[in-house]
């Protein structure tokens, strides 16, 4: 496909596997342990009832490291 400007990068620089935490949900748990560390909540996509949650402080969730 043609493009204008600088050549786009090929592929992703890293990939984190999907992790299903639904088995740990009990209605009161608010902290979950991730299998791979992240730099910030922007490295994640969180879905509740098939609705994507908005990351960030004061929003749906925050994340750092494996928490």
PDB file of N, CA and C in Angstrom:
ATOM      1  N   UNK A   1       0.852  -1.170   0.000  1.00  0.00           N
ATOM      2  CA  UNK A   1       0.000   0.000   0.000  1.00  0.00           C
ATOM      3  C   UNK A   1       0.903   1.239   0.000  1.00  0.00           C
ATOM      4  N   UNK A   2       0.665   2.192  -0.886  1.00  0.00           N
ATOM      5  CA  UNK A   2       1.487   3.403  -0.929  1.00  0.00           C
ATOM      6  C   UNK A   2       1.204   4.306   0.266  1.00  0.00           C
ATOM      7  N   UNK A   3       2.201   5.125   0.606  1.00  0.00           N
ATOM      8  CA  UNK A   3       2.052   6.060   1.714  1.00  0.00           C
ATOM      9  C   UNK A   3       2.898   7.299   1.446  1.00  0.00           C
ATOM     10  N   UNK A   4       2.589   8.380   2.143  1.00  0.00           N
ATOM     11  CA  UNK A   4       3.359   9.608   2.059  1.00  0.00           C
ATOM     12  C   UNK A   4       4.123   9.792   3.363  1.00  0.00           C
ATOM     13  N   UNK A   5       5.320  10.348   3.300  1.00  0.00           N
ATOM     14  CA  UNK A   5       6.087  10.611   4.514  1.00  0.00           C
ATOM     15  C   UNK A   5       7.072   9.514   4.818  1.00  0.00           C
ATOM     16  N   UNK A   6       7.443   9.413   6.090  1.00  0.00           N
ATOM     17  CA  UNK A   6       8.441   8.426   6.497  1.00  0.00           C
ATOM     18  C   UNK A   6       7.877   7.018   6.428  1.00  0.00           C
ATOM     19  N   UNK A   7       8.753   6.077   6.237  1.00  0.00           N
ATOM     20  CA  UNK A   7       8.347   4.681   6.143  1.00  0.00           C
ATOM     21  C   UNK A   7       7.807   4.212   7.483  1.00  0.00           C
ATOM     22  N   UNK A   8       6.600   3.620   7.511  1.00  0.00           N
ATOM     23  CA  UNK A   8       6.047   3.135   8.784  1.00  0.00           C
ATOM     24  C   UNK A   8       6.840   1.941   9.305  1.00  0.00           C
ATOM     25  N   UNK A   9       6.842   1.780  10.627  1.00  0.00           N
ATOM     26  CA  UNK A   9       7.499   0.634  11.244  1.00  0.00           C
ATOM     27  C   UNK A   9       6.781  -0.639  10.860  1.00  0.00           C
ATOM     28  N   UNK A  10       7.513  -1.713  10.884  1.00  0.00           N
ATOM     29  CA  UNK A  10       6.937  -3.010  10.590  1.00  0.00           C
ATOM     30  C   UNK A  10       6.579  -3.724  11.878  1.00  0.00           C
ATOM     31  N   UNK A  11       5.305  -3.939  12.138  1.00  0.00           N
ATOM     32  CA  UNK A  11       4.857  -4.713  13.288  1.00  0.00           C
ATOM     33  C   UNK A  11       4.970  -3.978  14.613  1.00  0.00           C
ATOM     34  N   UNK A  12       4.711  -4.715  15.679  1.00  0.00           N
ATOM     35  CA  UNK A  12       4.770  -4.189  17.027  1.00  0.00           C
ATOM     36  C   UNK A  12       6.155  -4.413  17.615  1.00  0.00           C
ATOM     37  N   UNK A  13       6.523  -3.583  18.575  1.00  0.00           N
ATOM     38  CA  UNK A  13       7.815  -3.769  19.223  1.00  0.00           C
ATOM     39  C   UNK A  13       7.747  -4.847  20.294  1.00  0.00           C
ATOM     40  N   UNK A  14       6.567  -5.077  20.856  1.00  0.00           N
ATOM     41  CA  UNK A  14       6.398  -6.150  21.830  1.00  0.00           C
ATOM     42  C   UNK A  14       4.937  -6.574  21.859  1.00  0.00           C
ATOM     43  N   UNK A  15       4.690  -7.729  22.419  1.00  0.00           N
ATOM     44  CA  UNK A  15       3.330  -8.238  22.513  1.00  0.00           C
ATOM     45  C   UNK A  15       3.145  -8.876  23.880  1.00  0.00           C
ATOM     46  N   UNK A  16       2.081  -8.491  24.547  1.00  0.00           N
ATOM     47  CA  UNK A  16       1.740  -9.091  25.828  1.00  0.00           C
ATOM     48  C   UNK A  16       0.535  -9.988  25.601  1.00  0.00           C
ATOM     49  N   UNK A  17       0.634 -11.199  26.045  1.00  0.00           N
ATOM     50  CA  UNK A  17      -0.441 -12.170  25.848  1.00  0.00           C
ATOM     51  C   UNK A  17      -1.689 -11.767  26.625  1.00  0.00           C
ATOM     52  N   UNK A  18      -2.821 -12.195  26.133  1.00  0.00           N
ATOM     53  CA  UNK A  18      -4.097 -11.945  26.787  1.00  0.00           C
ATOM     54  C   UNK A  18      -4.137 -12.659  28.133  1.00  0.00           C
ATOM     55  N   UNK A  19      -4.743 -12.004  29.114  1.00  0.00           N
ATOM     56  CA  UNK A  19      -4.888 -12.614  30.443  1.00  0.00           C
ATOM     57  C   UNK A  19      -6.329 -12.418  30.889  1.00  0.00           C
ATOM     58  N   UNK A  20      -7.004 -13.509  31.194  1.00  0.00           N
ATOM     59  CA  UNK A  20      -8.383 -13.467  31.633  1.00  0.00           C
ATOM     60  C   UNK A  20      -8.420 -13.519  33.160  1.00  0.00           C
ATOM     61  N   UNK A  21      -8.883 -12.436  33.780  1.00  0.00           N
ATOM     62  CA  UNK A  21      -8.939 -12.354  35.238  1.00  0.00           C
ATOM     63  C   UNK A  21     -10.334 -12.635  35.789  1.00  0.00           C
ATOM     64  N   UNK A  22     -11.260 -13.058  34.940  1.00  0.00           N
ATOM     65  CA  UNK A  22     -12.648 -13.231  35.385  1.00  0.00           C
ATOM     66  C   UNK A  22     -12.787 -14.276  36.482  1.00  0.00           C
ATOM     67  N   UNK A  23     -11.889 -15.254  36.556  1.00  0.00           N
ATOM     68  CA  UNK A  23     -11.969 -16.265  37.611  1.00  0.00           C
ATOM     69  C   UNK A  23     -11.673 -15.658  38.982  1.00  0.00           C
ATOM     70  N   UNK A  24     -10.979 -14.505  39.000  1.00  0.00           N
ATOM     71  CA  UNK A  24     -10.618 -13.849  40.254  1.00  0.00           C
ATOM     72  C   UNK A  24     -11.642 -12.814  40.707  1.00  0.00           C
ATOM     73  N   UNK A  25     -12.657 -12.556  39.904  1.00  0.00           N
ATOM     74  CA  UNK A  25     -13.649 -11.533  40.232  1.00  0.00           C
ATOM     75  C   UNK A  25     -14.676 -12.117  41.190  1.00  0.00           C
ATOM     76  N   UNK A  26     -14.886 -11.422  42.323  1.00  0.00           N
ATOM     77  CA  UNK A  26     -15.854 -11.914  43.301  1.00  0.00           C
ATOM     78  C   UNK A  26     -16.772 -10.805  43.820  1.00  0.00           C
ATOM     79  N   UNK A  27     -16.723  -9.635  43.200  1.00  0.00           N
ATOM     80  CA  UNK A  27     -17.578  -8.537  43.614  1.00  0.00           C
ATOM     81  C   UNK A  27     -16.931  -7.580  44.595  1.00  0.00           C
ATOM     82  N   UNK A  28     -15.821  -7.997  45.224  1.00  0.00           N
ATOM     83  CA  UNK A  28     -15.167  -7.096  46.174  1.00  0.00           C
ATOM     84  C   UNK A  28     -13.670  -6.922  45.907  1.00  0.00           C
ATOM     85  N   UNK A  29     -13.077  -7.796  45.096  1.00  0.00           N
ATOM     86  CA  UNK A  29     -11.655  -7.684  44.789  1.00  0.00           C
ATOM     87  C   UNK A  29     -11.408  -6.463  43.912  1.00  0.00           C
ATOM     88  N   UNK A  30     -10.455  -5.624  44.303  1.00  0.00           N
ATOM     89  CA  UNK A  30     -10.152  -4.417  43.524  1.00  0.00           C
ATOM     90  C   UNK A  30      -8.720  -4.386  43.022  1.00  0.00           C
ATOM     91  N   UNK A  31      -7.885  -5.333  43.435  1.00  0.00           N
ATOM     92  CA  UNK A  31      -6.494  -5.384  42.996  1.00  0.00           C
ATOM     93  C   UNK A  31      -6.229  -6.752  42.376  1.00  0.00           C
ATOM     94  N   UNK A  32      -5.637  -6.754  41.186  1.00  0.00           N
ATOM     95  CA  UNK A  32      -5.348  -7.995  40.482  1.00  0.00           C
ATOM     96  C   UNK A  32      -3.875  -8.044  40.116  1.00  0.00           C
ATOM     97  N   UNK A  33      -3.311  -9.237  40.067  1.00  0.00           N
ATOM     98  CA  UNK A  33      -1.913  -9.414  39.701  1.00  0.00           C
ATOM     99  C   UNK A  33      -1.824  -9.835  38.246  1.00  0.00           C
ATOM    100  N   UNK A  34      -1.033  -9.085  37.476  1.00  0.00           N
ATOM    101  CA  UNK A  34      -0.832  -9.376  36.062  1.00  0.00           C
ATOM    102  C   UNK A  34       0.336 -10.328  35.884  1.00  0.00           C
ATOM    103  N   UNK A  35       0.293 -11.125  34.828  1.00  0.00           N
ATOM    104  CA  UNK A  35       1.378 -12.071  34.572  1.00  0.00           C
ATOM    105  C   UNK A  35       2.593 -11.388  33.952  1.00  0.00           C
ATOM    106  N   UNK A  36       2.411 -10.193  33.381  1.00  0.00           N
ATOM    107  CA  UNK A  36       3.495  -9.438  32.764  1.00  0.00           C
ATOM    108  C   UNK A  36       3.414  -7.994  33.241  1.00  0.00           C
ATOM    109  N   UNK A  37       4.544  -7.416  33.588  1.00  0.00           N
ATOM    110  CA  UNK A  37       4.570  -6.027  34.064  1.00  0.00           C
ATOM    111  C   UNK A  37       4.242  -5.054  32.926  1.00  0.00           C
ATOM    112  N   UNK A  38       3.572  -3.956  33.274  1.00  0.00           N
ATOM    113  CA  UNK A  38       3.249  -2.899  32.319  1.00  0.00           C
ATOM    114  C   UNK A  38       3.818  -1.580  32.837  1.00  0.00           C
ATOM    115  N   UNK A  39       4.074  -0.645  31.934  1.00  0.00           N
ATOM    116  CA  UNK A  39       4.592   0.668  32.328  1.00  0.00           C
ATOM    117  C   UNK A  39       3.473   1.550  32.863  1.00  0.00           C
ATOM    118  N   UNK A  40       2.277   1.439  32.283  1.00  0.00           N
ATOM    119  CA  UNK A  40       1.126   2.237  32.719  1.00  0.00           C
ATOM    120  C   UNK A  40      -0.153   1.554  32.269  1.00  0.00           C
ATOM    121  N   UNK A  41      -1.281   2.100  32.701  1.00  0.00           N
ATOM    122  CA  UNK A  41      -2.578   1.533  32.311  1.00  0.00           C
ATOM    123  C   UNK A  41      -2.828   1.640  30.810  1.00  0.00           C
ATOM    124  N   UNK A  42      -2.099   2.509  30.118  1.00  0.00           N
ATOM    125  CA  UNK A  42      -2.268   2.634  28.672  1.00  0.00           C
ATOM    126  C   UNK A  42      -1.713   1.436  27.913  1.00  0.00           C
ATOM    127  N   UNK A  43      -0.992   0.560  28.596  1.00  0.00           N
ATOM    128  CA  UNK A  43      -0.493  -0.671  27.981  1.00  0.00           C
ATOM    129  C   UNK A  43      -1.535  -1.782  28.007  1.00  0.00           C
ATOM    130  N   UNK A  44      -2.695  -1.524  28.617  1.00  0.00           N
ATOM    131  CA  UNK A  44      -3.732  -2.543  28.784  1.00  0.00           C
ATOM    132  C   UNK A  44      -5.027  -2.147  28.105  1.00  0.00           C
ATOM    133  N   UNK A  45      -5.822  -3.159  27.802  1.00  0.00           N
ATOM    134  CA  UNK A  45      -7.219  -2.961  27.420  1.00  0.00           C
ATOM    135  C   UNK A  45      -8.037  -3.793  28.387  1.00  0.00           C
ATOM    136  N   UNK A  46      -8.944  -3.157  29.124  1.00  0.00           N
ATOM    137  CA  UNK A  46      -9.778  -3.847  30.103  1.00  0.00           C
ATOM    138  C   UNK A  46     -11.221  -3.786  29.624  1.00  0.00           C
ATOM    139  N   UNK A  47     -11.878  -4.952  29.617  1.00  0.00           N
ATOM    140  CA  UNK A  47     -13.266  -5.036  29.201  1.00  0.00           C
ATOM    141  C   UNK A  47     -14.094  -5.601  30.342  1.00  0.00           C
ATOM    142  N   UNK A  48     -15.224  -4.985  30.626  1.00  0.00           N
ATOM    143  CA  UNK A  48     -16.176  -5.483  31.612  1.00  0.00           C
ATOM    144  C   UNK A  48     -17.509  -5.621  30.897  1.00  0.00           C
ATOM    145  N   UNK A  49     -18.019  -6.836  30.831  1.00  0.00           N
ATOM    146  CA  UNK A  49     -19.263  -7.081  30.103  1.00  0.00           C
ATOM    147  C   UNK A  49     -19.151  -6.665  28.640  1.00  0.00           C
ATOM    148  N   UNK A  50     -18.003  -6.937  28.022  1.00  0.00           N
ATOM    149  CA  UNK A  50     -17.705  -6.592  26.628  1.00  0.00           C
ATOM    150  C   UNK A  50     -17.688  -5.093  26.360  1.00  0.00           C
ATOM    151  N   UNK A  51     -17.553  -4.270  27.398  1.00  0.00           N
ATOM    152  CA  UNK A  51     -17.446  -2.819  27.246  1.00  0.00           C
ATOM    153  C   UNK A  51     -16.040  -2.413  27.659  1.00  0.00           C
ATOM    154  N   UNK A  52     -15.322  -1.749  26.754  1.00  0.00           N
ATOM    155  CA  UNK A  52     -13.948  -1.321  27.051  1.00  0.00           C
ATOM    156  C   UNK A  52     -13.978  -0.236  28.107  1.00  0.00           C
ATOM    157  N   UNK A  53     -13.145  -0.385  29.126  1.00  0.00           N
ATOM    158  CA  UNK A  53     -13.074   0.567  30.226  1.00  0.00           C
ATOM    159  C   UNK A  53     -12.005   1.618  29.942  1.00  0.00           C
ATOM    160  N   UNK A  54     -12.243   2.842  30.391  1.00  0.00           N
ATOM    161  CA  UNK A  54     -11.309   3.935  30.154  1.00  0.00           C
ATOM    162  C   UNK A  54     -10.234   3.953  31.238  1.00  0.00           C
ATOM    163  N   UNK A  55      -8.950   3.912  30.827  1.00  0.00           N
ATOM    164  CA  UNK A  55      -7.874   3.906  31.812  1.00  0.00           C
ATOM    165  C   UNK A  55      -7.576   5.291  32.356  1.00  0.00           C
ATOM    166  N   UNK A  56      -6.994   5.330  33.545  1.00  0.00           N
ATOM    167  CA  UNK A  56      -6.521   6.588  34.106  1.00  0.00           C
ATOM    168  C   UNK A  56      -7.017   6.821  35.518  1.00  0.00           C
ATOM    169  N   UNK A  57      -6.297   7.659  36.215  1.00  0.00           N
ATOM    170  CA  UNK A  57      -6.655   8.013  37.583  1.00  0.00           C
ATOM    171  C   UNK A  57      -8.026   8.682  37.613  1.00  0.00           C
ATOM    172  N   UNK A  58      -8.908   8.229  38.474  1.00  0.00           N
ATOM    173  CA  UNK A  58     -10.255   8.760  38.564  1.00  0.00           C
ATOM    174  C   UNK A  58     -11.203   8.204  37.528  1.00  0.00           C
ATOM    175  N   UNK A  59     -10.739   7.248  36.750  1.00  0.00           N
ATOM    176  CA  UNK A  59     -11.588   6.614  35.740  1.00  0.00           C
ATOM    177  C   UNK A  59     -11.755   5.149  36.105  1.00  0.00           C
ATOM    178  N   UNK A  60     -11.845   4.258  35.152  1.00  0.00           N
ATOM    179  CA  UNK A  60     -12.148   2.858  35.449  1.00  0.00           C
ATOM    180  C   UNK A  60     -11.035   2.103  36.154  1.00  0.00           C
ATOM    181  N   UNK A  61      -9.768   2.352  35.788  1.00  0.00           N
ATOM    182  CA  UNK A  61      -8.678   1.594  36.392  1.00  0.00           C
ATOM    183  C   UNK A  61      -7.333   2.282  36.187  1.00  0.00           C
ATOM    184  N   UNK A  62      -6.389   1.911  37.030  1.00  0.00           N
ATOM    185  CA  UNK A  62      -4.992   2.315  36.873  1.00  0.00           C
ATOM    186  C   UNK A  62      -4.145   1.053  36.951  1.00  0.00           C
ATOM    187  N   UNK A  63      -2.926   1.120  36.437  1.00  0.00           N
ATOM    188  CA  UNK A  63      -2.036  -0.036  36.477  1.00  0.00           C
ATOM    189  C   UNK A  63      -0.596   0.405  36.440  1.00  0.00           C
ATOM    190  N   UNK A  64       0.249  -0.357  37.118  1.00  0.00           N
ATOM    191  CA  UNK A  64       1.682  -0.105  37.096  1.00  0.00           C
ATOM    192  C   UNK A  64       2.375  -1.383  37.551  1.00  0.00           C
ATOM    193  N   UNK A  65       3.416  -1.745  36.857  1.00  0.00           N
ATOM    194  CA  UNK A  65       4.101  -3.004  37.201  1.00  0.00           C
ATOM    195  C   UNK A  65       3.190  -4.189  36.955  1.00  0.00           C
ATOM    196  N   UNK A  66       3.043  -5.053  37.933  1.00  0.00           N
ATOM    197  CA  UNK A  66       2.162  -6.216  37.782  1.00  0.00           C
ATOM    198  C   UNK A  66       0.858  -6.060  38.551  1.00  0.00           C
ATOM    199  N   UNK A  67       0.545  -4.845  38.990  1.00  0.00           N
ATOM    200  CA  UNK A  67      -0.689  -4.592  39.744  1.00  0.00           C
ATOM    201  C   UNK A  67      -1.623  -3.672  38.967  1.00  0.00           C
TER     202      UNK A  67
END
